[in-house]
Protein backbone atom coordinates (compact mmCIF):
# COMPACT_ATOMS: atom_id res chain seq x y z
CA UNK A 1 140.83 88.99 124.27
CA UNK A 2 137.16 88.29 123.39
CA UNK A 3 134.76 90.85 121.93
CA UNK A 4 133.00 91.48 125.22
CA UNK A 5 136.32 92.43 126.83
CA UNK A 6 137.39 94.51 123.82
CA UNK A 7 134.35 96.80 123.68
CA UNK A 8 133.58 99.20 126.47
CA UNK A 9 129.86 99.81 126.47
CA UNK A 10 128.51 103.32 126.07
CA UNK A 11 125.93 104.81 128.43
CA UNK A 12 123.14 103.99 125.97
CA UNK A 13 124.29 100.40 125.46
CA UNK A 14 124.57 99.94 129.22
CA UNK A 15 121.08 101.36 129.72
CA UNK A 16 119.57 98.94 127.17
CA UNK A 17 121.29 95.91 128.67
CA UNK A 18 120.35 97.05 132.19
CA UNK A 19 116.73 97.53 131.08
CA UNK A 20 116.65 93.88 129.99
CA UNK A 21 118.30 92.69 133.19
CA UNK A 22 115.88 94.67 135.34
CA UNK A 23 112.83 93.29 133.52
CA UNK A 24 113.98 89.75 132.79
CA UNK A 25 111.61 88.19 135.28
CA UNK A 26 108.70 90.27 134.01
CA UNK A 27 109.12 90.18 130.23
CA UNK A 28 106.47 87.94 128.62
CA UNK A 29 107.62 84.78 126.88
CA UNK A 30 107.97 81.02 127.23
CA UNK A 31 111.34 79.25 127.27
CA UNK A 32 111.88 79.51 123.52
CA UNK A 33 111.16 83.25 123.50
CA UNK A 34 113.38 83.91 126.51
CA UNK A 35 116.19 81.99 124.81
CA UNK A 36 115.92 84.25 121.73
CA UNK A 37 115.82 87.33 123.95
CA UNK A 38 118.96 86.24 125.78
CA UNK A 39 120.77 85.74 122.46
CA UNK A 40 119.73 89.12 121.09
CA UNK A 41 120.76 91.04 124.21
CA UNK A 42 124.04 89.12 124.40
CA UNK A 43 124.77 90.15 120.79
CA UNK A 44 123.95 93.76 121.65
CA UNK A 45 126.23 93.60 124.67
CA UNK A 46 129.17 92.08 122.81
CA UNK A 47 128.92 93.81 119.42
CA UNK A 48 127.50 97.12 120.64
CA UNK A 49 125.36 99.53 118.64
CA UNK A 50 126.38 99.99 114.97
CA UNK A 51 128.88 102.67 113.99
CA UNK A 52 129.69 104.32 110.66
CA UNK A 53 132.00 101.37 109.98
CA UNK A 54 128.89 99.26 109.35
CA UNK A 55 127.93 100.13 105.76
CA UNK A 56 124.18 100.28 106.28
CA UNK A 57 124.69 102.64 109.24
CA UNK A 58 127.45 104.75 107.66
CA UNK A 59 125.41 107.97 107.79
CA UNK A 60 123.79 107.23 111.14
CA UNK A 61 126.46 106.31 113.66
CA UNK A 62 124.01 105.04 116.26
CA UNK A 63 126.68 104.36 118.84
CA UNK A 64 127.65 108.05 118.78
CA UNK A 65 124.25 109.63 118.19
CA UNK A 66 122.36 107.66 120.84
CA UNK A 67 124.00 109.18 123.88
CA UNK A 68 121.44 108.12 126.49
CA UNK A 69 118.32 106.01 126.86
CA UNK A 70 115.56 106.96 129.31
CA UNK A 71 114.63 104.33 131.84
CA UNK A 72 111.40 102.40 131.41
CA UNK A 73 108.71 104.12 133.45
CA UNK A 74 105.82 101.81 134.48
CA UNK A 75 103.89 104.82 135.80
CA UNK A 76 103.93 106.69 132.48
CA UNK A 77 100.45 107.53 131.25
CA UNK A 78 99.50 108.53 127.73
CA UNK A 79 96.17 110.16 127.06
CA UNK A 80 93.85 108.88 124.36
CA UNK A 81 93.87 110.87 121.13
CA UNK A 82 91.32 111.17 118.36
CA UNK A 83 91.64 109.13 115.20
CA UNK A 84 93.53 110.80 112.37
CA UNK A 85 90.55 110.15 110.08
CA UNK A 86 87.05 110.20 111.61
CA UNK A 87 85.35 106.83 111.34
CA UNK A 88 88.56 104.81 111.50
CA UNK A 89 88.80 101.68 113.60
CA UNK A 90 91.44 102.53 116.20
CA UNK A 91 93.69 99.88 117.75
CA UNK A 92 95.22 101.70 120.70
CA UNK A 93 98.72 101.06 122.04
CA UNK A 94 99.63 103.44 124.85
CA UNK A 95 103.12 103.39 126.33
CA UNK A 96 103.67 100.03 124.69
CA UNK A 97 100.56 98.39 126.12
CA UNK A 98 97.94 97.31 123.61
CA UNK A 99 94.22 97.38 124.22
CA UNK A 100 92.23 94.60 122.54
CA UNK A 101 88.60 95.53 123.01
CA UNK A 102 85.64 96.99 121.18
CA UNK A 103 84.04 95.94 117.91
CA UNK A 104 86.08 95.19 114.80
CA UNK A 105 85.07 95.22 111.13
CA UNK A 106 83.91 91.91 109.70
CA UNK A 107 86.84 89.82 108.54
CA UNK A 108 89.36 91.40 110.95
CA UNK A 109 90.69 89.52 113.96
CA UNK A 110 93.14 90.93 116.50
CA UNK A 111 95.17 89.12 119.13
CA UNK A 112 97.49 90.50 121.76
CA UNK A 113 101.12 89.92 120.82
CA UNK A 114 101.75 89.14 124.48
CA UNK A 115 99.77 85.91 124.02
CA UNK A 116 102.09 84.88 121.18
CA UNK A 117 105.12 85.59 123.35
CA UNK A 118 103.67 83.53 126.19
CA UNK A 119 102.83 80.49 124.06
CA UNK A 120 106.10 80.66 122.12
CA UNK A 121 104.60 81.14 118.65
CA UNK A 122 106.37 84.52 118.41
CA UNK A 123 109.87 83.06 118.85
CA UNK A 124 110.65 82.54 115.14
CA UNK A 125 109.47 86.04 114.26
CA UNK A 126 111.96 87.64 116.65
CA UNK A 127 114.88 86.63 114.43
CA UNK A 128 117.00 89.52 113.16
CA UNK A 129 117.48 90.22 109.46
CA UNK A 130 121.27 90.18 109.64
CA UNK A 131 124.30 91.20 111.67
CA UNK A 132 123.48 94.88 111.15
CA UNK A 133 119.85 94.63 112.30
CA UNK A 134 120.18 96.74 115.45
CA UNK A 135 116.49 97.63 115.49
CA UNK A 136 115.44 93.99 115.36
CA UNK A 137 117.92 93.14 118.09
CA UNK A 138 116.77 95.91 120.46
CA UNK A 139 113.10 95.33 119.78
CA UNK A 140 113.29 91.54 119.99
CA UNK A 141 115.12 91.69 123.29
CA UNK A 142 112.79 94.19 124.96
CA UNK A 143 109.40 93.85 123.24
CA UNK A 144 106.55 93.78 125.75
CA UNK A 145 103.45 94.39 123.67
CA UNK A 146 101.83 94.78 120.30
CA UNK A 147 99.09 93.22 118.22
CA UNK A 148 98.68 90.38 115.75
CA UNK A 149 96.23 91.37 113.04
CA UNK A 150 94.64 89.07 110.47
CA UNK A 151 92.42 90.27 107.63
CA UNK A 152 90.50 87.39 106.10
CA UNK A 153 90.46 86.68 102.37
CA UNK A 154 88.04 88.70 100.24
CA UNK A 155 87.64 91.35 102.97
CA UNK A 156 87.31 94.97 101.80
CA UNK A 157 87.52 97.58 104.56
CA UNK A 158 85.68 100.80 103.78
CA UNK A 159 87.27 102.84 106.59
CA UNK A 160 90.94 103.00 107.65
CA UNK A 161 92.38 100.80 110.36
CA UNK A 162 94.55 102.97 112.63
CA UNK A 163 97.26 101.37 114.77
CA UNK A 164 97.71 104.24 117.19
CA UNK A 165 100.95 104.17 119.18
CA UNK A 166 100.92 106.94 121.77
CA UNK A 167 103.92 107.50 124.04
CA UNK A 168 104.31 109.89 126.96
CA UNK A 169 107.85 109.18 128.23
CA UNK A 170 110.23 106.33 129.07
CA UNK A 171 110.50 103.30 126.79
CA UNK A 172 108.14 101.31 124.58
CA UNK A 173 108.93 98.30 122.39
CA UNK A 174 106.14 96.88 120.24
CA UNK A 175 105.60 94.32 117.47
CA UNK A 176 102.87 93.97 114.83
CA UNK A 177 102.61 90.83 112.67
CA UNK A 178 99.88 91.61 110.09
CA UNK A 179 98.52 89.17 107.49
CA UNK A 180 96.25 90.16 104.60
CA UNK A 181 94.41 87.28 102.94
CA UNK A 182 93.81 86.85 99.22
CA UNK A 183 92.03 89.69 97.43
CA UNK A 184 91.77 91.89 100.52
CA UNK A 185 91.57 95.66 100.24
CA UNK A 186 92.39 97.96 103.15
CA UNK A 187 94.01 101.18 104.32
CA UNK A 188 96.15 100.97 107.46
CA UNK A 189 97.58 103.95 109.34
CA UNK A 190 100.54 103.17 111.60
CA UNK A 191 100.66 106.34 113.68
CA UNK A 192 103.41 107.18 116.17
CA UNK A 193 103.02 110.25 118.35
CA UNK A 194 104.06 111.72 121.67
CA UNK A 195 101.83 113.50 124.19
CA UNK A 196 104.53 114.53 126.65
CA UNK A 197 107.66 116.70 126.53
CA UNK A 198 109.58 114.04 128.44
CA UNK A 199 112.19 112.02 126.59
CA UNK A 200 111.07 108.74 125.04
CA UNK A 201 112.84 105.81 123.41
CA UNK A 202 110.59 103.82 121.09
CA UNK A 203 111.16 100.79 118.89
CA UNK A 204 108.52 99.22 116.68
CA UNK A 205 108.57 96.38 114.14
CA UNK A 206 105.71 95.63 111.73
CA UNK A 207 105.85 92.37 109.79
CA UNK A 208 103.35 92.51 106.92
CA UNK A 209 102.36 89.70 104.53
CA UNK A 210 100.14 90.18 101.48
CA UNK A 211 98.56 87.10 99.91
CA UNK A 212 97.58 86.83 96.22
CA UNK A 213 95.67 89.81 94.91
CA UNK A 214 95.75 91.85 98.13
CA UNK A 215 95.62 95.61 97.55
CA UNK A 216 96.83 97.56 100.58
CA UNK A 217 97.64 101.18 101.42
CA UNK A 218 99.90 101.40 104.48
CA UNK A 219 100.77 104.78 105.98
CA UNK A 220 103.50 105.33 108.57
CA UNK A 221 103.02 108.71 110.24
CA UNK A 222 105.77 109.50 112.75
CA UNK A 223 105.21 112.51 115.02
CA UNK A 224 107.35 111.80 118.08
CA UNK A 225 108.46 114.62 120.37
CA UNK A 226 111.46 116.84 119.75
CA UNK A 227 113.59 114.93 122.28
CA UNK A 228 112.50 111.40 121.34
CA UNK A 229 114.33 108.51 119.68
CA UNK A 230 112.28 106.44 117.25
CA UNK A 231 113.58 103.19 115.75
CA UNK A 232 111.04 101.75 113.33
CA UNK A 233 111.08 98.82 110.97
CA UNK A 234 108.59 97.55 108.39
CA UNK A 235 109.13 94.15 106.83
CA UNK A 236 106.87 93.04 103.98
CA UNK A 237 106.36 90.10 101.62
CA UNK A 238 104.22 90.44 98.48
CA UNK A 239 102.41 87.47 96.95
CA UNK A 240 101.19 87.01 93.38
CA UNK A 241 99.56 90.16 91.96
CA UNK A 242 99.66 91.81 95.42
CA UNK A 243 99.89 95.60 95.61
CA UNK A 244 101.37 97.57 98.49
CA UNK A 245 101.28 101.38 98.38
CA UNK A 246 103.41 102.58 101.30
CA UNK A 247 103.53 106.18 102.50
CA UNK A 248 106.11 107.24 105.09
CA UNK A 249 105.82 110.70 106.66
CA UNK A 250 108.38 111.79 109.25
CA UNK A 251 107.36 114.98 111.04
CA UNK A 252 108.96 114.67 114.46
CA UNK A 253 111.59 113.02 116.60
CA UNK A 254 115.13 113.93 117.60
CA UNK A 255 116.84 110.75 116.37
CA UNK A 256 114.85 108.68 113.87
CA UNK A 257 115.71 105.58 111.88
CA UNK A 258 112.89 104.14 109.78
CA UNK A 259 113.80 100.95 107.96
CA UNK A 260 111.75 99.33 105.19
CA UNK A 261 112.74 95.84 104.05
CA UNK A 262 110.66 93.96 101.51
CA UNK A 263 110.57 91.25 98.89
CA UNK A 264 108.38 90.18 96.01
CA UNK A 265 107.51 86.48 96.24
CA UNK A 266 104.81 86.32 93.57
CA UNK A 267 104.72 87.36 89.92
CA UNK A 268 102.77 90.50 89.17
CA UNK A 269 103.53 92.03 92.57
CA UNK A 270 103.67 95.83 92.64
CA UNK A 271 105.21 98.04 95.31
CA UNK A 272 105.09 101.82 95.61
CA UNK A 273 106.92 103.86 98.26
CA UNK A 274 106.18 107.53 98.75
CA UNK A 275 108.10 109.37 101.46
CA UNK A 276 107.98 112.85 102.97
CA UNK A 277 110.65 113.81 105.49
CA UNK A 278 110.12 117.14 107.25
CA UNK A 279 113.32 117.89 109.15
CA UNK A 280 114.08 120.82 111.41
CA UNK A 281 115.99 121.87 114.50
CA UNK A 282 118.93 119.57 115.19
CA UNK A 283 117.11 116.36 114.38
CA UNK A 284 118.63 113.39 112.57
CA UNK A 285 116.28 111.29 110.41
CA UNK A 286 117.34 108.24 108.42
CA UNK A 287 115.09 106.31 106.02
CA UNK A 288 116.77 103.11 104.87
CA UNK A 289 115.06 100.91 102.29
CA UNK A 290 115.81 97.56 100.64
CA UNK A 291 113.66 95.67 98.16
CA UNK A 292 114.33 92.26 96.67
CA UNK A 293 112.73 91.60 93.29
CA UNK A 294 112.92 87.82 93.49
CA UNK A 295 110.55 86.62 90.74
CA UNK A 296 109.75 87.72 87.16
CA UNK A 297 107.25 90.40 86.13
CA UNK A 298 107.26 92.62 89.22
CA UNK A 299 107.29 96.40 89.49
CA UNK A 300 108.27 99.04 92.02
CA UNK A 301 108.60 102.82 92.23
CA UNK A 302 110.00 104.89 95.08
CA UNK A 303 109.75 108.67 95.36
CA UNK A 304 111.17 110.43 98.43
CA UNK A 305 110.81 114.16 99.12
CA UNK A 306 112.95 115.76 101.84
CA UNK A 307 112.57 119.27 103.29
CA UNK A 308 115.48 120.20 105.55
CA UNK A 309 115.65 123.32 107.74
CA UNK A 310 117.99 124.65 110.44
CA UNK A 311 120.77 122.24 111.46
CA UNK A 312 118.82 119.09 110.71
CA UNK A 313 120.42 116.09 109.03
CA UNK A 314 118.64 113.64 106.76
CA UNK A 315 119.57 110.32 105.22
CA UNK A 316 117.97 108.25 102.48
CA UNK A 317 119.49 104.91 101.59
CA UNK A 318 117.66 102.85 99.00
CA UNK A 319 118.77 99.55 97.53
CA UNK A 320 116.93 97.53 94.89
CA UNK A 321 118.18 93.99 94.37
CA UNK A 322 117.06 92.13 91.23
CA UNK A 323 117.63 88.38 91.35
CA UNK A 324 118.90 86.35 88.41
CA UNK A 325 115.48 84.85 87.71
CA UNK A 326 113.60 88.16 88.12
CA UNK A 327 113.33 88.97 84.41
CA UNK A 328 110.99 91.76 83.24
CA UNK A 329 111.49 93.68 86.49
CA UNK A 330 110.56 97.36 86.24
CA UNK A 331 111.99 99.40 89.13
CA UNK A 332 112.49 103.15 89.52
CA UNK A 333 113.74 105.16 92.49
CA UNK A 334 114.07 108.94 93.01
CA UNK A 335 115.09 111.10 95.97
CA UNK A 336 114.47 114.87 95.79
CA UNK A 337 115.54 117.34 98.47
CA UNK A 338 114.92 120.97 99.34
CA UNK A 339 117.88 122.11 101.42
CA UNK A 340 116.77 125.34 103.10
CA UNK A 341 119.67 126.19 105.37
CA UNK A 342 123.43 126.46 104.99
CA UNK A 343 123.76 124.26 108.07
CA UNK A 344 121.32 121.57 106.93
CA UNK A 345 122.57 118.30 105.49
CA UNK A 346 121.12 115.44 103.45
CA UNK A 347 122.94 112.28 102.42
CA UNK A 348 121.35 110.21 99.64
CA UNK A 349 122.56 106.79 98.55
CA UNK A 350 120.35 105.11 95.92
CA UNK A 351 121.66 101.74 94.69
CA UNK A 352 120.79 99.06 92.14
CA UNK A 353 122.13 95.51 92.28
CA UNK A 354 120.98 93.64 89.17
CA UNK A 355 121.65 90.01 88.21
CA UNK A 356 118.94 89.67 85.53
CA UNK A 357 119.48 90.91 81.96
CA UNK A 358 115.95 91.83 80.82
CA UNK A 359 114.94 94.62 83.17
CA UNK A 360 114.11 98.32 83.27
CA UNK A 361 115.70 99.90 86.33
CA UNK A 362 116.89 103.38 87.22
CA UNK A 363 117.54 105.74 90.09
CA UNK A 364 118.32 109.40 90.66
CA UNK A 365 118.75 112.06 93.32
CA UNK A 366 118.51 115.87 93.31
CA UNK A 367 119.27 118.56 95.90
CA UNK A 368 118.14 122.16 95.42
CA UNK A 369 116.89 125.34 97.09
CA UNK A 370 113.59 127.10 96.47
CA UNK A 371 113.22 128.31 92.90
CA UNK A 372 113.90 132.05 93.20
CA UNK A 373 111.99 132.80 90.01
CA UNK A 374 108.86 131.27 91.51
CA UNK A 375 109.51 133.08 94.79
CA UNK A 376 109.84 136.40 92.98
CA UNK A 377 106.64 135.71 91.04
CA UNK A 378 104.62 135.23 94.25
CA UNK A 379 106.20 138.20 96.03
CA UNK A 380 105.56 140.43 93.02
CA UNK A 381 101.88 139.66 93.46
CA UNK A 382 101.85 140.79 97.07
CA UNK A 383 102.53 137.49 98.86
CA UNK A 384 104.87 138.05 101.86
CA UNK A 385 108.20 136.26 101.52
CA UNK A 386 107.70 133.85 104.44
CA UNK A 387 104.26 132.86 103.19
CA UNK A 388 105.54 132.50 99.64
CA UNK A 389 108.33 130.20 100.80
CA UNK A 390 105.82 128.12 102.73
CA UNK A 391 103.58 127.82 99.69
CA UNK A 392 106.46 126.61 97.51
CA UNK A 393 107.67 124.10 100.09
CA UNK A 394 104.14 122.81 100.57
CA UNK A 395 103.73 122.40 96.80
CA UNK A 396 106.98 120.39 96.72
CA UNK A 397 105.53 117.68 98.98
CA UNK A 398 101.81 118.04 98.20
CA UNK A 399 101.85 115.92 95.07
CA UNK A 400 102.96 112.93 97.14
CA UNK A 401 99.86 113.10 99.33
CA UNK A 402 97.64 113.84 96.33
CA UNK A 403 98.23 110.28 95.12
CA UNK A 404 95.65 109.35 97.77
CA UNK A 405 93.02 111.47 96.05
CA UNK A 406 90.40 108.70 96.28
CA UNK A 407 90.58 109.02 100.08
CA UNK A 408 89.58 112.65 100.53
CA UNK A 409 89.39 112.66 104.34
CA UNK A 410 92.81 111.02 104.60
CA UNK A 411 94.36 113.54 102.19
CA UNK A 412 92.94 116.42 104.22
CA UNK A 413 94.28 114.96 107.48
CA UNK A 414 97.79 114.45 106.10
CA UNK A 415 97.82 117.89 104.46
CA UNK A 416 96.93 119.36 107.84
CA UNK A 417 99.85 117.52 109.47
CA UNK A 418 102.23 118.89 106.84
CA UNK A 419 100.85 122.45 106.97
CA UNK A 420 101.04 122.54 110.77
CA UNK A 421 104.66 121.41 110.71
CA UNK A 422 105.63 123.91 108.01
CA UNK A 423 103.99 126.79 109.89
CA UNK A 424 106.37 126.13 112.77
CA UNK A 425 109.50 125.92 110.63
CA UNK A 426 108.99 127.90 107.44
């Protein structure tokens, strides 16, 4: 009996395969791209979505959790929304369809990803990261749009570049290869949001390369609707003395998996990850992170803050891998959680895999409730209990955003996102 005969597909798996079959004549791509698509969808059909038996998906049994997938809706319409930070250059992607028009800052070029699919140059980039790369497999099979962005060497962008992905309902699958040249400096906001109460299924893959000396802030702000599924993936490669400061803020979605997979390819590379997961209702949010320190003299720090209300479930999996030749690596990882309901749940799995002998590496995780001494202090001074709780929760995550203190307008915008979410849940 072969694997295809052994596995009975679920409703969600059937819907994804049927979506590919229905669009096969319309999906952009030359022969090489279509061949990769066929392979990816065949693997999805035969292996199915990952279950808890797959180690990297142990806490997010996608085959069970993803019970249905809405059909692609070509008539879906998403309204334009304002930029998160006034003055930003906005690259709009609405319901998976990118708009390449308007003026761009000097040194920035943008190309429709559809063009790369049509001429076949995108084929190699559609490869999955491994047997457990369900996001890459789904996205590569169904991707219809996105943008290729190139920032020329020595370019310094004064205002943020916002990749604005707005979804109303149905499906959207997008891809974003982004290359930063040597000694570039920029702030990029990858913003996912929903403007409709209808159910959406969204997958997005960003493939980011930093050349020597690049200094980049990249923010992923996920605000999908309460019934939406969001499968996101960021892949990055850091060159010599490159710096990537990544912020991930999850403040929406019903079923969310945000993967971050990176490697240091040049000495002196520095990576920082700061994460805020705001979880409420019956949502399930999983942030899974891997980083390969592959060369000597590289550094990384990861700090994740989780706030979990109601019956929400959160997951943080972080793995740092230090290669044999990666001496003088300095890597630290911490995951801190406020668990604010007896029915809430957070699973944390920080890991180190070290093959070098001259390194400084460590990890830790904490889970706690609000400090009742601090709560009493505020209430004793006339602050109502609900407001006092909100203040303490906000303080727990605020220091993450405050690391962006040089970007005042951006800090204010992100603090507003956090405050608005907390007002609804705290």
